[in-house]
Structures are given as structure tokens and as C-alpha cells.
Amino acid sequence: MTADLVNLEVRFLLARYGVRPVLDALAKVRKQTPEEVEAELDRLETTKAERKKKAEKAPERLLARLPTQSPEQASLVRELAALYEQRRFLPNLRMAEDFVAQRTGQPRKFKSRKAALPALLGVIATIPPEDLRKVRDECAFTPASGDYELLARAILGTKGSQC
């Protein structure tokens, strides 16, 4: 909420006075030169962009670290990870939590589907290739669930299939 108000006020200041006067005022308040303020803003922006790039590459790094028994199993794990990203495999958080709990015997709670991905990939990597093929084949021809389908399942209290 506070961040929204700050963003709104900054937009208002920029619209009313322009970029240069706002930067000059910010520099004066911080006892810096306007160039130092601009350099700091640029540094913060590049740091933020680097963090986003690292987060986007997370599935590839996770897949590279997984212990797989064969190239076929590694390929199947990659396919299931891609289906998971497309929401065609375990399309909601509850399904992902149930899948991990069923395979490990321990209930797990995650904050998001993205947070569940490392644990999920760890579980999938332990599944034999023949079972992975079955899971993949169940999901391969299932259309991606739409928001209305997920909402209907939530209202009716049904889990549906894993795909």
C-alpha cells in the first residue's frame, strides 16, 4: 500500500515538474549531485534487471543439478518441467503440494507454484522412467486448464487430475 502511494506521488511530481527538477530536488535533499543520483538510480535498475534474469534461469539450473539415472529420465523430467511451467501438469499449488506429499510421505506447504518447483523436480527425478512416461502421457494431450475451470474446481472442491 505504501509503495503504491509513493509511486503515485512520484508520478505526480514528474508530471507536474518534469524529471530534471525532481532529480535536482532529490539530489539536494540527499546532499548529492544530480549526476550521483542518476548513477545510483541506474545502478539500482541494473541490479534489479540482473535479479530478474537469475530468477528466469532457475528451472534450467535446477534441472542441471538433478541426479538422473539415464538420459531418457533426464529428458522426461525436462518435459514434465516444461508442462509444469505451461500449467499443463499440476496446474495449481494444491495439486503440486499433494503430488510432493504423496511421493515423499510428508505434507509440504509452499507459497507459490514457483516455490514448489525445486521440491517437485527433486521428487520427479526419483521416479523411474516408465512411471514418468505414464505421467507425461496423461498430461501431453490434456489442454491447459483455464481460469474458469480452476475456479469451478475450487468452488466444487474437486481436485481433478494431476494434469
N, C-alpha and C. Protein backbone atom coordinates (compact mmCIF):
# COMPACT_ATOMS: atom_id res chain seq x y z
N MET A 1 0.83 -1.19 0.00
CA MET A 1 0.00 0.00 0.00
C MET A 1 0.87 1.25 0.00
N THR A 2 1.89 1.28 0.87
CA THR A 2 2.77 2.43 0.95
C THR A 2 3.52 2.63 -0.36
N ALA A 3 4.00 1.53 -0.95
CA ALA A 3 4.72 1.61 -2.22
C ALA A 3 3.82 2.19 -3.31
N ASP A 4 2.56 1.82 -3.30
CA ASP A 4 1.63 2.36 -4.29
C ASP A 4 1.47 3.87 -4.14
N LEU A 5 1.39 4.32 -2.89
CA LEU A 5 1.26 5.76 -2.65
C LEU A 5 2.51 6.51 -3.08
N VAL A 6 3.67 5.93 -2.79
CA VAL A 6 4.93 6.57 -3.19
C VAL A 6 5.00 6.65 -4.71
N ASN A 7 4.65 5.56 -5.40
CA ASN A 7 4.66 5.56 -6.86
C ASN A 7 3.72 6.62 -7.42
N LEU A 8 2.56 6.74 -6.83
CA LEU A 8 1.58 7.72 -7.29
C LEU A 8 2.10 9.15 -7.08
N GLU A 9 2.69 9.39 -5.92
CA GLU A 9 3.21 10.73 -5.65
C GLU A 9 4.39 11.07 -6.56
N VAL A 10 5.25 10.11 -6.81
CA VAL A 10 6.39 10.35 -7.71
C VAL A 10 5.89 10.63 -9.12
N ARG A 11 4.91 9.89 -9.58
CA ARG A 11 4.32 10.15 -10.90
C ARG A 11 3.74 11.57 -10.96
N PHE A 12 3.08 11.94 -9.89
CA PHE A 12 2.50 13.29 -9.83
C PHE A 12 3.61 14.34 -9.92
N LEU A 13 4.69 14.16 -9.15
CA LEU A 13 5.80 15.11 -9.18
C LEU A 13 6.43 15.19 -10.57
N LEU A 14 6.63 14.03 -11.19
CA LEU A 14 7.22 14.00 -12.52
C LEU A 14 6.32 14.67 -13.55
N ALA A 15 5.02 14.44 -13.44
CA ALA A 15 4.08 15.04 -14.38
C ALA A 15 4.01 16.56 -14.18
N ARG A 16 4.09 16.98 -12.95
CA ARG A 16 3.93 18.41 -12.66
C ARG A 16 5.20 19.21 -12.94
N TYR A 17 6.38 18.65 -12.56
CA TYR A 17 7.62 19.43 -12.65
C TYR A 17 8.62 18.92 -13.68
N GLY A 18 8.52 17.66 -14.07
CA GLY A 18 9.49 17.10 -15.01
C GLY A 18 10.59 16.35 -14.29
N VAL A 19 11.37 15.62 -15.05
CA VAL A 19 12.41 14.76 -14.48
C VAL A 19 13.54 15.57 -13.85
N ARG A 20 14.08 16.54 -14.57
CA ARG A 20 15.24 17.27 -14.10
C ARG A 20 14.99 17.99 -12.77
N PRO A 21 13.92 18.75 -12.60
CA PRO A 21 13.69 19.41 -11.30
C PRO A 21 13.50 18.40 -10.16
N VAL A 22 12.87 17.27 -10.43
CA VAL A 22 12.68 16.26 -9.38
C VAL A 22 14.03 15.66 -8.99
N LEU A 23 14.88 15.36 -9.99
CA LEU A 23 16.21 14.83 -9.69
C LEU A 23 17.05 15.86 -8.93
N ASP A 24 16.98 17.13 -9.33
CA ASP A 24 17.71 18.18 -8.63
C ASP A 24 17.27 18.29 -7.17
N ALA A 25 15.97 18.23 -6.95
CA ALA A 25 15.45 18.32 -5.57
C ALA A 25 15.87 17.10 -4.76
N LEU A 26 15.82 15.94 -5.36
CA LEU A 26 16.24 14.71 -4.67
C LEU A 26 17.73 14.78 -4.33
N ALA A 27 18.52 15.29 -5.25
CA ALA A 27 19.96 15.43 -5.01
C ALA A 27 20.23 16.41 -3.87
N LYS A 28 19.48 17.49 -3.86
CA LYS A 28 19.66 18.50 -2.81
C LYS A 28 19.31 17.93 -1.44
N VAL A 29 18.21 17.17 -1.36
CA VAL A 29 17.79 16.57 -0.09
C VAL A 29 18.81 15.55 0.39
N ARG A 30 19.38 14.81 -0.53
CA ARG A 30 20.35 13.77 -0.17
C ARG A 30 21.78 14.30 -0.10
N LYS A 31 21.95 15.58 -0.38
CA LYS A 31 23.28 16.23 -0.37
C LYS A 31 24.23 15.54 -1.34
N GLN A 32 23.72 15.34 -2.55
CA GLN A 32 24.48 14.74 -3.63
C GLN A 32 24.33 15.61 -4.87
N THR A 33 25.13 15.29 -5.88
CA THR A 33 24.93 15.96 -7.15
C THR A 33 23.86 15.21 -7.94
N PRO A 34 23.20 15.88 -8.87
CA PRO A 34 22.21 15.18 -9.69
C PRO A 34 22.80 14.00 -10.47
N GLU A 35 24.06 14.12 -10.86
CA GLU A 35 24.73 13.03 -11.57
C GLU A 35 24.90 11.81 -10.67
N GLU A 36 25.21 12.04 -9.39
CA GLU A 36 25.34 10.93 -8.44
C GLU A 36 23.99 10.23 -8.24
N VAL A 37 22.94 11.00 -8.16
CA VAL A 37 21.60 10.42 -8.01
C VAL A 37 21.25 9.59 -9.25
N GLU A 38 21.52 10.12 -10.44
CA GLU A 38 21.24 9.38 -11.67
C GLU A 38 22.05 8.10 -11.74
N ALA A 39 23.33 8.17 -11.35
CA ALA A 39 24.19 6.98 -11.35
C ALA A 39 23.65 5.93 -10.38
N GLU A 40 23.20 6.38 -9.23
CA GLU A 40 22.65 5.43 -8.24
C GLU A 40 21.36 4.79 -8.76
N LEU A 41 20.52 5.58 -9.41
CA LEU A 41 19.29 5.04 -9.99
C LEU A 41 19.60 4.02 -11.09
N ASP A 42 20.59 4.33 -11.93
CA ASP A 42 21.00 3.39 -12.98
C ASP A 42 21.52 2.09 -12.37
N ARG A 43 22.33 2.22 -11.30
CA ARG A 43 22.88 1.03 -10.64
C ARG A 43 21.76 0.17 -10.05
N LEU A 44 20.79 0.81 -9.41
CA LEU A 44 19.66 0.07 -8.84
C LEU A 44 18.86 -0.63 -9.93
N GLU A 45 18.68 0.04 -11.06
CA GLU A 45 17.91 -0.54 -12.16
C GLU A 45 18.62 -1.75 -12.75
N THR A 46 19.94 -1.68 -12.93
CA THR A 46 20.68 -2.82 -13.49
C THR A 46 20.71 -3.98 -12.50
N THR A 47 20.82 -3.68 -11.21
CA THR A 47 20.80 -4.74 -10.20
C THR A 47 19.46 -5.46 -10.22
N LYS A 48 18.38 -4.70 -10.34
CA LYS A 48 17.05 -5.29 -10.39
C LYS A 48 16.89 -6.16 -11.64
N ALA A 49 17.41 -5.70 -12.78
CA ALA A 49 17.33 -6.47 -14.02
C ALA A 49 18.13 -7.75 -13.91
N GLU A 50 19.28 -7.72 -13.25
CA GLU A 50 20.10 -8.92 -13.08
C GLU A 50 19.37 -9.94 -12.21
N ARG A 51 18.70 -9.48 -11.16
CA ARG A 51 17.94 -10.39 -10.30
C ARG A 51 16.84 -11.08 -11.08
N LYS A 52 16.16 -10.35 -11.96
CA LYS A 52 15.10 -10.94 -12.77
C LYS A 52 15.67 -11.99 -13.70
N LYS A 53 16.83 -11.74 -14.31
CA LYS A 53 17.45 -12.71 -15.21
C LYS A 53 17.79 -13.99 -14.46
N LYS A 54 18.32 -13.88 -13.25
CA LYS A 54 18.67 -15.05 -12.46
C LYS A 54 17.43 -15.86 -12.12
N ALA A 55 16.35 -15.20 -11.77
CA ALA A 55 15.12 -15.89 -11.42
C ALA A 55 14.55 -16.63 -12.62
N GLU A 56 14.68 -16.05 -13.81
CA GLU A 56 14.15 -16.70 -15.00
C GLU A 56 14.92 -17.96 -15.36
N LYS A 57 16.21 -18.02 -15.04
CA LYS A 57 17.03 -19.18 -15.39
C LYS A 57 16.96 -20.28 -14.34
N ALA A 58 16.20 -20.08 -13.29
CA ALA A 58 16.17 -21.04 -12.19
C ALA A 58 15.79 -22.45 -12.63
N PRO A 59 14.76 -22.68 -13.46
CA PRO A 59 14.43 -24.06 -13.83
C PRO A 59 15.57 -24.78 -14.54
N GLU A 60 16.31 -24.08 -15.41
CA GLU A 60 17.43 -24.74 -16.09
C GLU A 60 18.52 -25.15 -15.10
N ARG A 61 18.80 -24.25 -14.14
CA ARG A 61 19.82 -24.59 -13.14
C ARG A 61 19.37 -25.75 -12.27
N LEU A 62 18.09 -25.75 -11.90
CA LEU A 62 17.58 -26.85 -11.09
C LEU A 62 17.68 -28.17 -11.85
N LEU A 63 17.32 -28.14 -13.12
CA LEU A 63 17.37 -29.35 -13.94
C LEU A 63 18.80 -29.85 -14.10
N ALA A 64 19.75 -28.94 -14.21
CA ALA A 64 21.15 -29.34 -14.38
C ALA A 64 21.70 -30.03 -13.14
N ARG A 65 21.18 -29.68 -11.96
CA ARG A 65 21.68 -30.25 -10.71
C ARG A 65 21.01 -31.55 -10.31
N LEU A 66 19.96 -31.94 -11.01
CA LEU A 66 19.22 -33.13 -10.61
C LEU A 66 19.99 -34.41 -10.91
N PRO A 67 20.00 -35.34 -9.95
CA PRO A 67 20.63 -36.64 -10.23
C PRO A 67 19.65 -37.53 -10.99
N THR A 68 19.95 -37.82 -12.24
CA THR A 68 19.08 -38.69 -13.03
C THR A 68 19.81 -39.98 -13.34
N GLN A 69 19.04 -41.03 -13.54
CA GLN A 69 19.62 -42.35 -13.75
C GLN A 69 19.98 -42.61 -15.20
N SER A 70 19.31 -41.93 -16.12
CA SER A 70 19.55 -42.17 -17.54
C SER A 70 19.21 -40.92 -18.34
N PRO A 71 19.71 -40.85 -19.59
CA PRO A 71 19.35 -39.71 -20.43
C PRO A 71 17.85 -39.65 -20.71
N GLU A 72 17.20 -40.80 -20.80
CA GLU A 72 15.75 -40.83 -21.03
C GLU A 72 15.02 -40.20 -19.84
N GLN A 73 15.45 -40.55 -18.64
CA GLN A 73 14.82 -39.98 -17.45
C GLN A 73 15.03 -38.47 -17.40
N ALA A 74 16.23 -38.01 -17.73
CA ALA A 74 16.50 -36.58 -17.74
C ALA A 74 15.60 -35.87 -18.74
N SER A 75 15.40 -36.49 -19.90
CA SER A 75 14.53 -35.91 -20.92
C SER A 75 13.09 -35.83 -20.43
N LEU A 76 12.62 -36.89 -19.78
CA LEU A 76 11.25 -36.91 -19.26
C LEU A 76 11.06 -35.86 -18.16
N VAL A 77 12.06 -35.70 -17.31
CA VAL A 77 11.98 -34.69 -16.25
C VAL A 77 11.89 -33.30 -16.87
N ARG A 78 12.68 -33.05 -17.91
CA ARG A 78 12.63 -31.75 -18.61
C ARG A 78 11.24 -31.51 -19.22
N GLU A 79 10.69 -32.56 -19.83
CA GLU A 79 9.35 -32.43 -20.43
C GLU A 79 8.31 -32.08 -19.37
N LEU A 80 8.36 -32.79 -18.23
CA LEU A 80 7.40 -32.51 -17.17
C LEU A 80 7.61 -31.12 -16.58
N ALA A 81 8.85 -30.68 -16.49
CA ALA A 81 9.11 -29.32 -16.00
C ALA A 81 8.50 -28.29 -16.96
N ALA A 82 8.63 -28.55 -18.26
CA ALA A 82 8.04 -27.63 -19.25
C ALA A 82 6.52 -27.65 -19.14
N LEU A 83 5.93 -28.82 -18.98
CA LEU A 83 4.47 -28.92 -18.82
C LEU A 83 4.03 -28.20 -17.54
N TYR A 84 4.83 -28.30 -16.49
CA TYR A 84 4.52 -27.61 -15.24
C TYR A 84 4.53 -26.10 -15.45
N GLU A 85 5.54 -25.60 -16.17
CA GLU A 85 5.63 -24.17 -16.46
C GLU A 85 4.44 -23.70 -17.28
N GLN A 86 3.92 -24.57 -18.17
CA GLN A 86 2.76 -24.23 -19.01
C GLN A 86 1.44 -24.46 -18.28
N ARG A 87 1.52 -24.92 -17.04
CA ARG A 87 0.34 -25.25 -16.23
C ARG A 87 -0.49 -26.40 -16.82
N ARG A 88 0.19 -27.28 -17.54
CA ARG A 88 -0.49 -28.46 -18.06
C ARG A 88 -0.22 -29.67 -17.17
N PHE A 89 0.68 -29.55 -16.23
CA PHE A 89 1.00 -30.58 -15.25
C PHE A 89 0.92 -29.91 -13.89
N LEU A 90 0.05 -30.42 -13.03
CA LEU A 90 -0.18 -29.84 -11.70
C LEU A 90 -0.46 -28.34 -11.82
N PRO A 91 -1.59 -27.98 -12.40
CA PRO A 91 -1.86 -26.58 -12.72
C PRO A 91 -2.08 -25.64 -11.54
N ASN A 92 -2.27 -26.16 -10.35
CA ASN A 92 -2.41 -25.24 -9.22
C ASN A 92 -1.55 -25.71 -8.05
N LEU A 93 -1.37 -24.84 -7.09
CA LEU A 93 -0.47 -25.08 -5.97
C LEU A 93 -0.88 -26.29 -5.15
N ARG A 94 -2.16 -26.44 -4.91
CA ARG A 94 -2.63 -27.56 -4.10
C ARG A 94 -2.26 -28.90 -4.74
N MET A 95 -2.41 -28.99 -6.05
CA MET A 95 -2.05 -30.23 -6.75
C MET A 95 -0.55 -30.52 -6.62
N ALA A 96 0.26 -29.48 -6.74
CA ALA A 96 1.71 -29.66 -6.60
C ALA A 96 2.06 -30.12 -5.18
N GLU A 97 1.44 -29.50 -4.18
CA GLU A 97 1.69 -29.90 -2.79
C GLU A 97 1.25 -31.35 -2.56
N ASP A 98 0.09 -31.72 -3.09
CA ASP A 98 -0.40 -33.09 -2.93
C ASP A 98 0.52 -34.09 -3.61
N PHE A 99 1.01 -33.75 -4.80
CA PHE A 99 1.90 -34.65 -5.55
C PHE A 99 3.19 -34.88 -4.75
N VAL A 100 3.79 -33.82 -4.23
CA VAL A 100 5.02 -33.94 -3.45
C VAL A 100 4.75 -34.74 -2.17
N ALA A 101 3.66 -34.45 -1.49
CA ALA A 101 3.33 -35.15 -0.25
C ALA A 101 3.09 -36.63 -0.50
N GLN A 102 2.41 -36.95 -1.60
CA GLN A 102 2.10 -38.34 -1.93
C GLN A 102 3.39 -39.12 -2.19
N ARG A 103 4.33 -38.52 -2.88
CA ARG A 103 5.58 -39.21 -3.24
C ARG A 103 6.59 -39.27 -2.10
N THR A 104 6.58 -38.27 -1.20
CA THR A 104 7.56 -38.24 -0.11
C THR A 104 6.99 -38.76 1.20
N GLY A 105 5.67 -38.76 1.33
CA GLY A 105 5.05 -39.18 2.58
C GLY A 105 5.03 -38.07 3.62
N GLN A 106 5.47 -36.86 3.24
CA GLN A 106 5.48 -35.73 4.17
C GLN A 106 4.68 -34.58 3.55
N PRO A 107 3.68 -34.06 4.28
CA PRO A 107 2.95 -32.92 3.75
C PRO A 107 3.85 -31.69 3.67
N ARG A 108 3.78 -30.98 2.56
CA ARG A 108 4.59 -29.78 2.35
C ARG A 108 3.69 -28.63 1.96
N LYS A 109 4.00 -27.45 2.43
CA LYS A 109 3.28 -26.24 2.07
C LYS A 109 4.28 -25.30 1.40
N PHE A 110 3.85 -24.72 0.29
CA PHE A 110 4.68 -23.79 -0.46
C PHE A 110 3.91 -22.48 -0.61
N LYS A 111 4.62 -21.40 -0.83
CA LYS A 111 3.96 -20.10 -1.00
C LYS A 111 3.42 -19.92 -2.41
N SER A 112 4.00 -20.61 -3.37
CA SER A 112 3.57 -20.47 -4.76
C SER A 112 3.98 -21.70 -5.54
N ARG A 113 3.46 -21.81 -6.76
CA ARG A 113 3.86 -22.90 -7.65
C ARG A 113 5.35 -22.81 -7.97
N LYS A 114 5.84 -21.59 -8.12
CA LYS A 114 7.25 -21.39 -8.42
C LYS A 114 8.12 -21.86 -7.26
N ALA A 115 7.68 -21.60 -6.04
CA ALA A 115 8.43 -22.05 -4.86
C ALA A 115 8.40 -23.57 -4.71
N ALA A 116 7.37 -24.19 -5.25
CA ALA A 116 7.26 -25.65 -5.17
C ALA A 116 8.13 -26.36 -6.20
N LEU A 117 8.58 -25.64 -7.21
CA LEU A 117 9.31 -26.27 -8.32
C LEU A 117 10.55 -27.05 -7.90
N PRO A 118 11.44 -26.52 -7.04
CA PRO A 118 12.62 -27.31 -6.67
C PRO A 118 12.26 -28.64 -6.00
N ALA A 119 11.33 -28.62 -5.07
CA ALA A 119 10.93 -29.86 -4.40
C ALA A 119 10.26 -30.81 -5.38
N LEU A 120 9.44 -30.27 -6.24
CA LEU A 120 8.75 -31.08 -7.24
C LEU A 120 9.73 -31.75 -8.18
N LEU A 121 10.71 -31.01 -8.67
CA LEU A 121 11.70 -31.59 -9.56
C LEU A 121 12.53 -32.65 -8.85
N GLY A 122 12.84 -32.42 -7.57
CA GLY A 122 13.56 -33.42 -6.80
C GLY A 122 12.79 -34.72 -6.69
N VAL A 123 11.48 -34.61 -6.50
CA VAL A 123 10.62 -35.80 -6.40
C VAL A 123 10.52 -36.48 -7.77
N ILE A 124 10.32 -35.70 -8.81
CA ILE A 124 10.17 -36.28 -10.15
C ILE A 124 11.44 -37.01 -10.57
N ALA A 125 12.61 -36.50 -10.16
CA ALA A 125 13.88 -37.12 -10.55
C ALA A 125 14.05 -38.50 -9.93
N THR A 126 13.30 -38.79 -8.87
CA THR A 126 13.42 -40.11 -8.23
C THR A 126 12.46 -41.14 -8.81
N ILE A 127 11.55 -40.71 -9.67
CA ILE A 127 10.55 -41.60 -10.24
C ILE A 127 11.18 -42.37 -11.41
N PRO A 128 10.95 -43.68 -11.48
CA PRO A 128 11.51 -44.46 -12.59
C PRO A 128 10.98 -43.98 -13.94
N PRO A 129 11.78 -44.13 -15.01
CA PRO A 129 11.38 -43.63 -16.33
C PRO A 129 10.03 -44.16 -16.82
N GLU A 130 9.71 -45.42 -16.55
CA GLU A 130 8.43 -45.96 -17.04
C GLU A 130 7.24 -45.26 -16.39
N ASP A 131 7.38 -44.92 -15.10
CA ASP A 131 6.30 -44.18 -14.43
C ASP A 131 6.24 -42.73 -14.92
N LEU A 132 7.41 -42.16 -15.20
CA LEU A 132 7.43 -40.79 -15.73
C LEU A 132 6.75 -40.72 -17.09
N ARG A 133 6.94 -41.77 -17.91
CA ARG A 133 6.27 -41.80 -19.22
C ARG A 133 4.76 -41.79 -19.05
N LYS A 134 4.26 -42.54 -18.08
CA LYS A 134 2.82 -42.58 -17.83
C LYS A 134 2.30 -41.20 -17.41
N VAL A 135 3.02 -40.55 -16.51
CA VAL A 135 2.62 -39.22 -16.06
C VAL A 135 2.64 -38.24 -17.22
N ARG A 136 3.70 -38.29 -18.02
CA ARG A 136 3.81 -37.40 -19.17
C ARG A 136 2.70 -37.64 -20.18
N ASP A 137 2.41 -38.92 -20.46
CA ASP A 137 1.38 -39.25 -21.44
C ASP A 137 0.00 -38.80 -20.99
N GLU A 138 -0.26 -38.83 -19.70
CA GLU A 138 -1.54 -38.34 -19.18
C GLU A 138 -1.68 -36.84 -19.41
N CYS A 139 -0.57 -36.14 -19.34
CA CYS A 139 -0.60 -34.68 -19.44
C CYS A 139 -0.42 -34.17 -20.86
N ALA A 140 0.20 -34.96 -21.73
CA ALA A 140 0.59 -34.48 -23.05
C ALA A 140 -0.58 -34.00 -23.89
N PHE A 141 -1.73 -34.64 -23.76
CA PHE A 141 -2.85 -34.28 -24.62
C PHE A 141 -3.97 -33.58 -23.86
N THR A 142 -3.70 -33.23 -22.64
CA THR A 142 -4.68 -32.50 -21.83
C THR A 142 -4.51 -31.02 -22.11
N PRO A 143 -5.58 -30.34 -22.55
CA PRO A 143 -5.44 -28.90 -22.77
C PRO A 143 -5.18 -28.19 -21.45
N ALA A 144 -4.51 -27.07 -21.51
CA ALA A 144 -4.22 -26.30 -20.31
C ALA A 144 -5.53 -25.85 -19.67
N SER A 145 -5.58 -25.95 -18.36
CA SER A 145 -6.78 -25.54 -17.64
C SER A 145 -6.93 -24.04 -17.69
N GLY A 146 -8.12 -23.59 -17.95
CA GLY A 146 -8.39 -22.16 -17.94
C GLY A 146 -8.72 -21.69 -16.54
N ASP A 147 -8.77 -20.40 -16.38
CA ASP A 147 -9.09 -19.83 -15.07
C ASP A 147 -10.47 -20.25 -14.59
N TYR A 148 -11.42 -20.34 -15.53
CA TYR A 148 -12.77 -20.72 -15.14
C TYR A 148 -12.82 -22.17 -14.64
N GLU A 149 -12.05 -23.03 -15.28
CA GLU A 149 -12.02 -24.42 -14.83
C GLU A 149 -11.43 -24.53 -13.44
N LEU A 150 -10.34 -23.79 -13.19
CA LEU A 150 -9.73 -23.80 -11.86
C LEU A 150 -10.68 -23.24 -10.81
N LEU A 151 -11.40 -22.17 -11.18
CA LEU A 151 -12.36 -21.57 -10.27
C LEU A 151 -13.49 -22.56 -9.96
N ALA A 152 -13.98 -23.24 -11.00
CA ALA A 152 -15.05 -24.21 -10.80
C ALA A 152 -14.60 -25.34 -9.89
N ARG A 153 -13.37 -25.81 -10.09
CA ARG A 153 -12.84 -26.88 -9.22
C ARG A 153 -12.74 -26.39 -7.78
N ALA A 154 -12.32 -25.16 -7.60
CA ALA A 154 -12.19 -24.62 -6.24
C ALA A 154 -13.54 -24.50 -5.58
N ILE A 155 -14.55 -24.07 -6.33
CA ILE A 155 -15.90 -23.92 -5.77
C ILE A 155 -16.49 -25.28 -5.43
N LEU A 156 -16.31 -26.23 -6.34
CA LEU A 156 -16.88 -27.56 -6.12
C LEU A 156 -16.05 -28.42 -5.18
N GLY A 157 -14.82 -28.00 -4.94
CA GLY A 157 -13.96 -28.75 -4.01
C GLY A 157 -13.37 -30.00 -4.63
N THR A 158 -13.34 -30.07 -5.95
CA THR A 158 -12.73 -31.24 -6.60
C THR A 158 -11.32 -30.91 -6.99
N LYS A 159 -10.48 -31.93 -7.02
CA LYS A 159 -9.08 -31.73 -7.38
C LYS A 159 -8.84 -31.98 -8.86
N GLY A 160 -9.63 -32.82 -9.47
CA GLY A 160 -9.39 -33.15 -10.87
C GLY A 160 -8.16 -34.04 -10.99
N SER A 161 -7.64 -34.16 -12.19
CA SER A 161 -6.46 -34.98 -12.40
C SER A 161 -5.22 -34.16 -12.13
N GLN A 162 -4.04 -34.80 -12.22
CA GLN A 162 -2.78 -34.11 -12.00
C GLN A 162 -2.46 -33.17 -13.14
N CYS A 163 -3.10 -33.37 -14.24
CA CYS A 163 -2.79 -32.57 -15.43
C CYS A 163 -3.77 -31.44 -15.59
